[in-house]
């Protein structure tokens, strides 16, 4: 399971030209599958907005990947084991609210926390987020002060160890005293 996790994470790292990919914690489950505890995905069609969001979240020590479209986001979330998605409400190919609907209908994605982000008025944004069942909504006008606390709140909820029958081990417990894996 650890080899599988390392290979998948390396693929994501290279695919997104990342400079840093921090995975903390990594849960190895009894069935050999694995779950990453705190990767975030930012989806915004506007490169300037996406870059600002990435800088803001990374400045606060978060592991973040991004996409310029919601198309293909479900595959990316499943492959990357994302805990929180920050998605622009208004995108050309697929609205953030439509992406959220896809997540909520898919049992493998229903647990992923979704923050809808938009430049529309706060009233419109809260109404849209409430209508589609978003976990949170953040106005782009208030992003600098509200996005990080919102994502942290959702992460605390998402980082609870997975409910599994049988036993699982945390990654540090499989590293031997010499520092090698095994």
C-alpha atoms as a PDB file:
ATOM      1  CA  UNK A   1       0.000   0.000   0.000  1.00  0.00           C
ATOM      2  CA  UNK A   2       2.831   2.384   0.812  1.00  0.00           C
ATOM      3  CA  UNK A   3       4.484   1.792  -2.571  1.00  0.00           C
ATOM      4  CA  UNK A   4       1.127   2.419  -4.305  1.00  0.00           C
ATOM      5  CA  UNK A   5       0.663   5.647  -2.322  1.00  0.00           C
ATOM      6  CA  UNK A   6       4.176   6.857  -3.134  1.00  0.00           C
ATOM      7  CA  UNK A   7       3.778   6.143  -6.864  1.00  0.00           C
ATOM      8  CA  UNK A   8       0.399   7.902  -7.073  1.00  0.00           C
ATOM      9  CA  UNK A   9       1.626  10.913  -5.139  1.00  0.00           C
ATOM     10  CA  UNK A  10       4.751  11.149  -7.326  1.00  0.00           C
ATOM     11  CA  UNK A  11       2.525  11.078 -10.428  1.00  0.00           C
ATOM     12  CA  UNK A  12       0.373  13.909  -9.056  1.00  0.00           C
ATOM     13  CA  UNK A  13       3.486  15.870  -8.077  1.00  0.00           C
ATOM     14  CA  UNK A  14       4.915  15.654 -11.592  1.00  0.00           C
ATOM     15  CA  UNK A  15       1.607  16.139 -13.397  1.00  0.00           C
ATOM     16  CA  UNK A  16       0.934  19.421 -11.597  1.00  0.00           C
ATOM     17  CA  UNK A  17       4.542  20.617 -11.660  1.00  0.00           C
ATOM     18  CA  UNK A  18       4.447  20.910  -7.890  1.00  0.00           C
ATOM     19  CA  UNK A  19       7.321  22.246  -5.865  1.00  0.00           C
ATOM     20  CA  UNK A  20       6.146  20.658  -2.618  1.00  0.00           C
ATOM     21  CA  UNK A  21       3.729  17.863  -1.774  1.00  0.00           C
ATOM     22  CA  UNK A  22       3.231  17.303   1.930  1.00  0.00           C
ATOM     23  CA  UNK A  23       1.100  14.396   3.052  1.00  0.00           C
ATOM     24  CA  UNK A  24       0.283  14.420   6.713  1.00  0.00           C
ATOM     25  CA  UNK A  25      -1.121  12.087   7.871  1.00  0.00           C
ATOM     26  CA  UNK A  26      -1.185   9.039   5.595  1.00  0.00           C
ATOM     27  CA  UNK A  27      -3.405   6.241   6.921  1.00  0.00           C
ATOM     28  CA  UNK A  28      -2.703   2.682   5.768  1.00  0.00           C
ATOM     29  CA  UNK A  29      -5.945   0.730   6.238  1.00  0.00           C
ATOM     30  CA  UNK A  30      -6.282  -2.938   7.202  1.00  0.00           C
ATOM     31  CA  UNK A  31      -7.325  -3.895   3.650  1.00  0.00           C
ATOM     32  CA  UNK A  32      -4.097  -2.421   2.239  1.00  0.00           C
ATOM     33  CA  UNK A  33      -5.727   0.735   0.850  1.00  0.00           C
ATOM     34  CA  UNK A  34      -4.594   4.165   1.994  1.00  0.00           C
ATOM     35  CA  UNK A  35      -6.130   7.523   2.748  1.00  0.00           C
ATOM     36  CA  UNK A  36      -4.324  10.868   2.742  1.00  0.00           C
ATOM     37  CA  UNK A  37      -5.475  13.144   5.510  1.00  0.00           C
ATOM     38  CA  UNK A  38      -5.131  16.689   4.210  1.00  0.00           C
ATOM     39  CA  UNK A  39      -4.696  17.483   0.511  1.00  0.00           C
ATOM     40  CA  UNK A  40      -6.695  20.437  -0.828  1.00  0.00           C
ATOM     41  CA  UNK A  41      -7.785  21.039  -4.447  1.00  0.00           C
ATOM     42  CA  UNK A  42      -8.380  24.527  -5.849  1.00  0.00           C
ATOM     43  CA  UNK A  43     -10.490  24.825  -9.012  1.00  0.00           C
ATOM     44  CA  UNK A  44     -10.787  28.228 -10.674  1.00  0.00           C
ATOM     45  CA  UNK A  45     -10.787  29.061 -14.382  1.00  0.00           C
ATOM     46  CA  UNK A  46      -9.066  32.404 -13.743  1.00  0.00           C
ATOM     47  CA  UNK A  47      -5.302  31.892 -13.424  1.00  0.00           C
ATOM     48  CA  UNK A  48      -4.801  35.044 -11.331  1.00  0.00           C
ATOM     49  CA  UNK A  49      -7.468  34.000  -8.828  1.00  0.00           C
ATOM     50  CA  UNK A  50      -6.203  30.409  -8.755  1.00  0.00           C
ATOM     51  CA  UNK A  51      -2.648  31.604  -8.132  1.00  0.00           C
ATOM     52  CA  UNK A  52      -3.761  33.924  -5.314  1.00  0.00           C
ATOM     53  CA  UNK A  53      -5.711  31.118  -3.642  1.00  0.00           C
ATOM     54  CA  UNK A  54      -2.780  28.711  -3.942  1.00  0.00           C
ATOM     55  CA  UNK A  55      -0.354  31.273  -2.468  1.00  0.00           C
ATOM     56  CA  UNK A  56      -2.736  32.028   0.399  1.00  0.00           C
ATOM     57  CA  UNK A  57      -3.287  28.378   1.343  1.00  0.00           C
ATOM     58  CA  UNK A  58       0.377  27.419   0.903  1.00  0.00           C
ATOM     59  CA  UNK A  59       1.449  30.413   2.989  1.00  0.00           C
ATOM     60  CA  UNK A  60      -0.469  28.762   5.815  1.00  0.00           C
ATOM     61  CA  UNK A  61       1.320  25.435   5.324  1.00  0.00           C
ATOM     62  CA  UNK A  62      -1.355  23.613   3.351  1.00  0.00           C
ATOM     63  CA  UNK A  63      -0.691  20.985   0.695  1.00  0.00           C
ATOM     64  CA  UNK A  64      -2.583  22.201  -2.373  1.00  0.00           C
ATOM     65  CA  UNK A  65      -3.073  21.075  -5.971  1.00  0.00           C
ATOM     66  CA  UNK A  66      -5.070  22.968  -8.580  1.00  0.00           C
ATOM     67  CA  UNK A  67      -7.040  22.745 -11.785  1.00  0.00           C
ATOM     68  CA  UNK A  68      -8.342  25.370 -14.186  1.00  0.00           C
ATOM     69  CA  UNK A  69     -11.572  23.472 -14.833  1.00  0.00           C
ATOM     70  CA  UNK A  70     -14.075  21.332 -12.980  1.00  0.00           C
ATOM     71  CA  UNK A  71     -14.014  18.875 -15.890  1.00  0.00           C
ATOM     72  CA  UNK A  72     -12.007  15.881 -14.703  1.00  0.00           C
ATOM     73  CA  UNK A  73     -12.001  17.073 -11.098  1.00  0.00           C
ATOM     74  CA  UNK A  74     -13.734  13.934  -9.857  1.00  0.00           C
ATOM     75  CA  UNK A  75     -10.898  11.784 -11.198  1.00  0.00           C
ATOM     76  CA  UNK A  76      -8.308  14.133  -9.705  1.00  0.00           C
ATOM     77  CA  UNK A  77     -10.027  14.091  -6.307  1.00  0.00           C
ATOM     78  CA  UNK A  78     -10.202  10.298  -6.288  1.00  0.00           C
ATOM     79  CA  UNK A  79      -6.588   9.844  -7.429  1.00  0.00           C
ATOM     80  CA  UNK A  80      -5.224  12.471  -5.051  1.00  0.00           C
ATOM     81  CA  UNK A  81      -7.401  11.583  -2.054  1.00  0.00           C
ATOM     82  CA  UNK A  82      -8.371  15.230  -1.616  1.00  0.00           C
ATOM     83  CA  UNK A  83     -10.031  16.261   1.679  1.00  0.00           C
ATOM     84  CA  UNK A  84     -11.266  19.751   0.742  1.00  0.00           C
ATOM     85  CA  UNK A  85     -12.129  21.311  -2.634  1.00  0.00           C
ATOM     86  CA  UNK A  86     -12.251  25.074  -3.099  1.00  0.00           C
ATOM     87  CA  UNK A  87     -14.201  25.677  -6.315  1.00  0.00           C
ATOM     88  CA  UNK A  88     -15.187  28.850  -8.107  1.00  0.00           C
ATOM     89  CA  UNK A  89     -18.973  29.051  -8.341  1.00  0.00           C
ATOM     90  CA  UNK A  90     -18.961  30.549 -11.851  1.00  0.00           C
ATOM     91  CA  UNK A  91     -16.806  28.699 -14.400  1.00  0.00           C
ATOM     92  CA  UNK A  92     -17.431  28.310 -18.134  1.00  0.00           C
ATOM     93  CA  UNK A  93     -17.443  24.553 -18.752  1.00  0.00           C
ATOM     94  CA  UNK A  94     -18.964  23.370 -15.480  1.00  0.00           C
ATOM     95  CA  UNK A  95     -20.230  25.499 -12.619  1.00  0.00           C
ATOM     96  CA  UNK A  96     -18.931  24.836  -9.106  1.00  0.00           C
ATOM     97  CA  UNK A  97     -22.492  24.016  -8.055  1.00  0.00           C
ATOM     98  CA  UNK A  98     -22.743  21.354 -10.796  1.00  0.00           C
ATOM     99  CA  UNK A  99     -19.454  19.834  -9.649  1.00  0.00           C
ATOM    100  CA  UNK A 100     -20.764  19.728  -6.102  1.00  0.00           C
ATOM    101  CA  UNK A 101     -23.900  17.916  -7.298  1.00  0.00           C
ATOM    102  CA  UNK A 102     -21.688  15.301  -8.978  1.00  0.00           C
ATOM    103  CA  UNK A 103     -19.733  14.861  -5.732  1.00  0.00           C
ATOM    104  CA  UNK A 104     -22.851  14.456  -3.618  1.00  0.00           C
ATOM    105  CA  UNK A 105     -24.322  11.802  -5.960  1.00  0.00           C
ATOM    106  CA  UNK A 106     -21.110   9.727  -5.944  1.00  0.00           C
ATOM    107  CA  UNK A 107     -20.612   7.686  -2.735  1.00  0.00           C
ATOM    108  CA  UNK A 108     -16.825   7.794  -3.235  1.00  0.00           C
ATOM    109  CA  UNK A 109     -16.865  11.624  -3.296  1.00  0.00           C
ATOM    110  CA  UNK A 110     -19.765  12.523  -0.993  1.00  0.00           C
ATOM    111  CA  UNK A 111     -17.442  12.930   2.018  1.00  0.00           C
ATOM    112  CA  UNK A 112     -15.240  15.554   0.329  1.00  0.00           C
ATOM    113  CA  UNK A 113     -15.789  19.008   1.830  1.00  0.00           C
ATOM    114  CA  UNK A 114     -16.535  21.688  -0.783  1.00  0.00           C
ATOM    115  CA  UNK A 115     -16.063  25.441  -0.396  1.00  0.00           C
ATOM    116  CA  UNK A 116     -17.740  27.521  -3.091  1.00  0.00           C
ATOM    117  CA  UNK A 117     -15.888  30.733  -3.888  1.00  0.00           C
ATOM    118  CA  UNK A 118     -17.273  33.642  -5.881  1.00  0.00           C
ATOM    119  CA  UNK A 119     -17.217  37.361  -6.466  1.00  0.00           C
ATOM    120  CA  UNK A 120     -21.028  37.623  -6.394  1.00  0.00           C
ATOM    121  CA  UNK A 121     -22.674  39.348  -3.449  1.00  0.00           C
ATOM    122  CA  UNK A 122     -22.506  37.578  -0.096  1.00  0.00           C
ATOM    123  CA  UNK A 123     -26.299  37.061  -0.132  1.00  0.00           C
ATOM    124  CA  UNK A 124     -26.233  35.423  -3.580  1.00  0.00           C
ATOM    125  CA  UNK A 125     -23.274  33.251  -2.633  1.00  0.00           C
ATOM    126  CA  UNK A 126     -24.791  32.016   0.638  1.00  0.00           C
ATOM    127  CA  UNK A 127     -28.084  31.278  -1.128  1.00  0.00           C
ATOM    128  CA  UNK A 128     -26.355  29.358  -3.934  1.00  0.00           C
ATOM    129  CA  UNK A 129     -24.166  27.404  -1.504  1.00  0.00           C
ATOM    130  CA  UNK A 130     -27.106  26.528   0.696  1.00  0.00           C
ATOM    131  CA  UNK A 131     -29.202  25.463  -2.298  1.00  0.00           C
ATOM    132  CA  UNK A 132     -26.597  22.974  -3.553  1.00  0.00           C
ATOM    133  CA  UNK A 133     -25.390  21.736  -0.152  1.00  0.00           C
ATOM    134  CA  UNK A 134     -21.886  23.230  -0.075  1.00  0.00           C
ATOM    135  CA  UNK A 135     -19.992  22.835   3.176  1.00  0.00           C
ATOM    136  CA  UNK A 136     -19.025  26.520   3.101  1.00  0.00           C
ATOM    137  CA  UNK A 137     -19.052  29.628   0.931  1.00  0.00           C
ATOM    138  CA  UNK A 138     -16.417  32.353   0.779  1.00  0.00           C
ATOM    139  CA  UNK A 139     -16.654  35.650  -1.055  1.00  0.00           C
ATOM    140  CA  UNK A 140     -13.576  36.500  -3.136  1.00  0.00           C
ATOM    141  CA  UNK A 141     -13.797  39.972  -1.573  1.00  0.00           C
ATOM    142  CA  UNK A 142     -13.255  38.425   1.897  1.00  0.00           C
ATOM    143  CA  UNK A 143     -10.997  35.564   0.797  1.00  0.00           C
ATOM    144  CA  UNK A 144      -7.844  36.939   2.445  1.00  0.00           C
ATOM    145  CA  UNK A 145      -9.419  36.795   5.908  1.00  0.00           C
ATOM    146  CA  UNK A 146     -11.980  33.986   5.693  1.00  0.00           C
ATOM    147  CA  UNK A 147     -10.691  31.261   3.347  1.00  0.00           C
ATOM    148  CA  UNK A 148      -7.931  29.838   5.559  1.00  0.00           C
ATOM    149  CA  UNK A 149     -10.104  29.581   8.716  1.00  0.00           C
ATOM    150  CA  UNK A 150     -12.875  28.010   6.649  1.00  0.00           C
ATOM    151  CA  UNK A 151     -10.575  25.390   5.098  1.00  0.00           C
ATOM    152  CA  UNK A 152      -8.993  24.673   8.505  1.00  0.00           C
ATOM    153  CA  UNK A 153     -12.433  24.094  10.024  1.00  0.00           C
ATOM    154  CA  UNK A 154     -13.347  21.669   7.244  1.00  0.00           C
ATOM    155  CA  UNK A 155      -9.964  19.942   7.499  1.00  0.00           C
ATOM    156  CA  UNK A 156     -10.407  19.314  11.207  1.00  0.00           C
ATOM    157  CA  UNK A 157     -13.655  17.583  10.345  1.00  0.00           C
ATOM    158  CA  UNK A 158     -12.092  15.657   7.424  1.00  0.00           C
ATOM    159  CA  UNK A 159      -8.948  14.614   9.293  1.00  0.00           C
ATOM    160  CA  UNK A 160     -10.707  12.492  11.817  1.00  0.00           C
ATOM    161  CA  UNK A 161      -9.283   8.996  11.356  1.00  0.00           C
ATOM    162  CA  UNK A 162     -11.399   6.949   8.947  1.00  0.00           C
ATOM    163  CA  UNK A 163     -14.022   4.728  10.501  1.00  0.00           C
ATOM    164  CA  UNK A 164     -12.877   1.230   9.614  1.00  0.00           C
ATOM    165  CA  UNK A 165     -13.366  -2.167  11.112  1.00  0.00           C
ATOM    166  CA  UNK A 166     -10.181  -3.990  11.970  1.00  0.00           C
ATOM    167  CA  UNK A 167      -6.964  -2.161  12.592  1.00  0.00           C
ATOM    168  CA  UNK A 168      -4.981   0.369  10.621  1.00  0.00           C
ATOM    169  CA  UNK A 169      -1.561   1.845  11.129  1.00  0.00           C
ATOM    170  CA  UNK A 170      -0.240   5.351  10.787  1.00  0.00           C
ATOM    171  CA  UNK A 171       2.718   5.787   8.464  1.00  0.00           C
ATOM    172  CA  UNK A 172       5.261   6.547  11.241  1.00  0.00           C
ATOM    173  CA  UNK A 173       4.567   3.186  12.855  1.00  0.00           C
ATOM    174  CA  UNK A 174       5.908   1.344   9.781  1.00  0.00           C
ATOM    175  CA  UNK A 175       9.225   3.169   9.719  1.00  0.00           C
ATOM    176  CA  UNK A 176      11.827   1.142  11.602  1.00  0.00           C
ATOM    177  CA  UNK A 177      14.440   2.495  13.999  1.00  0.00           C
ATOM    178  CA  UNK A 178      17.049   2.780  11.229  1.00  0.00           C
ATOM    179  CA  UNK A 179      14.745   5.172   9.358  1.00  0.00           C
ATOM    180  CA  UNK A 180      13.884   2.800   6.520  1.00  0.00           C
ATOM    181  CA  UNK A 181      10.441   1.527   5.695  1.00  0.00           C
ATOM    182  CA  UNK A 182       9.568  -1.967   6.762  1.00  0.00           C
END
